[in-house]
Amino acid sequence: MTELPTVNSFTQQVIAIELQDRPGSVNSVAEVFSGRGLQIEAFHGTAGDLSPDGHAHALIVFRAGADRASLVIVGDASIFIDA
């Protein structure tokens, strides 16, 4: 039988994202994580301070092994979700 990893074997990951400031954007982010078998521990968004092109910024904290984290971390660990 394969032993399941414990929470302690996962490292904490923090990523910064940009997303459009409109209804359903945060839900789209949650669906990306859920669809990859990841659980968000914390989410902090800043819709009050939009970028010049109208995007909000958010920080997401989650725990995962390197293989799972690579499912949502792209390049410099900053992703854009056009929801």
Protein backbone atom coordinates (compact mmCIF):
# COMPACT_ATOMS: atom_id res chain seq x y z
CA MET A 1 0.00 0.00 0.00
CA THR A 2 1.29 3.47 -0.89
CA GLU A 3 1.68 5.80 2.06
CA LEU A 4 -0.03 9.17 1.65
CA PRO A 5 2.07 12.30 2.23
CA THR A 6 1.44 14.26 5.40
CA VAL A 7 0.78 17.99 5.57
CA ASN A 8 4.28 18.41 7.05
CA SER A 9 5.83 17.00 3.86
CA PHE A 10 4.37 19.86 1.81
CA THR A 11 6.00 23.27 1.63
CA GLN A 12 4.10 26.51 1.89
CA GLN A 13 3.77 28.25 -1.44
CA VAL A 14 2.85 31.91 -1.98
CA ILE A 15 2.01 33.27 -5.41
CA ALA A 16 0.95 36.68 -6.67
CA ILE A 17 -1.59 36.90 -9.46
CA GLU A 18 -3.39 39.50 -11.53
CA LEU A 19 -7.01 38.97 -12.41
CA GLN A 20 -9.76 41.02 -13.94
CA ASP A 21 -11.85 42.95 -11.45
CA ARG A 22 -15.27 41.51 -12.23
CA PRO A 23 -17.79 39.09 -10.70
CA GLY A 24 -16.64 35.47 -10.76
CA SER A 25 -12.89 36.13 -10.99
CA VAL A 26 -12.11 34.75 -7.54
CA ASN A 27 -14.31 31.73 -8.25
CA SER A 28 -12.28 31.08 -11.41
CA VAL A 29 -9.08 31.10 -9.36
CA ALA A 30 -10.59 28.62 -6.89
CA GLU A 31 -11.62 26.36 -9.78
CA VAL A 32 -8.05 26.34 -11.13
CA PHE A 33 -6.72 25.17 -7.77
CA SER A 34 -9.55 22.70 -7.16
CA GLY A 35 -9.19 21.22 -10.63
CA ARG A 36 -5.55 20.47 -9.86
CA GLY A 37 -6.27 18.93 -6.46
CA LEU A 38 -4.92 21.88 -4.47
CA GLN A 39 -6.49 23.69 -1.54
CA ILE A 40 -6.07 27.42 -0.96
CA GLU A 41 -5.10 28.20 2.65
CA ALA A 42 -5.35 31.99 2.34
CA PHE A 43 -6.40 34.49 -0.30
CA HIS A 44 -5.87 38.24 -0.11
CA GLY A 45 -7.13 40.45 -2.91
CA THR A 46 -6.69 44.17 -3.51
CA ALA A 47 -9.46 45.27 -5.87
CA GLY A 48 -9.38 48.80 -4.45
CA ASP A 49 -5.96 49.44 -6.02
CA LEU A 50 -6.34 48.38 -9.64
CA SER A 51 -3.51 48.41 -12.15
CA PRO A 52 -3.74 50.91 -15.04
CA ASP A 53 -5.28 48.24 -17.26
CA GLY A 54 -8.03 47.43 -14.71
CA HIS A 55 -6.64 44.30 -13.08
CA ALA A 56 -6.77 43.46 -9.39
CA HIS A 57 -3.89 41.82 -7.52
CA ALA A 58 -4.06 38.87 -5.14
CA LEU A 59 -1.77 36.76 -3.00
CA ILE A 60 -2.57 33.08 -2.60
CA VAL A 61 -1.09 30.79 0.05
CA PHE A 62 -1.25 27.01 -0.31
CA ARG A 63 0.78 23.93 0.64
CA ALA A 64 2.02 21.44 -1.91
CA GLY A 65 4.94 19.33 -2.96
CA ALA A 66 7.04 20.62 -5.85
CA ASP A 67 5.21 18.41 -8.36
CA ARG A 68 1.78 19.74 -7.40
CA ALA A 69 2.91 23.35 -6.98
CA SER A 70 4.21 23.31 -10.55
CA LEU A 71 0.61 22.82 -11.71
CA VAL A 72 -0.19 26.45 -10.82
CA ILE A 73 3.19 28.17 -10.56
CA VAL A 74 4.40 29.40 -13.93
CA GLY A 75 7.74 31.05 -14.59
CA ASP A 76 8.44 33.65 -11.92
CA ALA A 77 5.53 32.39 -9.75
CA SER A 78 3.24 35.12 -10.98
CA ILE A 79 0.29 34.09 -13.14
CA PHE A 80 -2.47 35.92 -14.95
CA ILE A 81 -6.00 34.52 -14.90
CA ASP A 82 -8.32 36.07 -17.46
CA ALA A 83 -11.60 35.06 -15.84
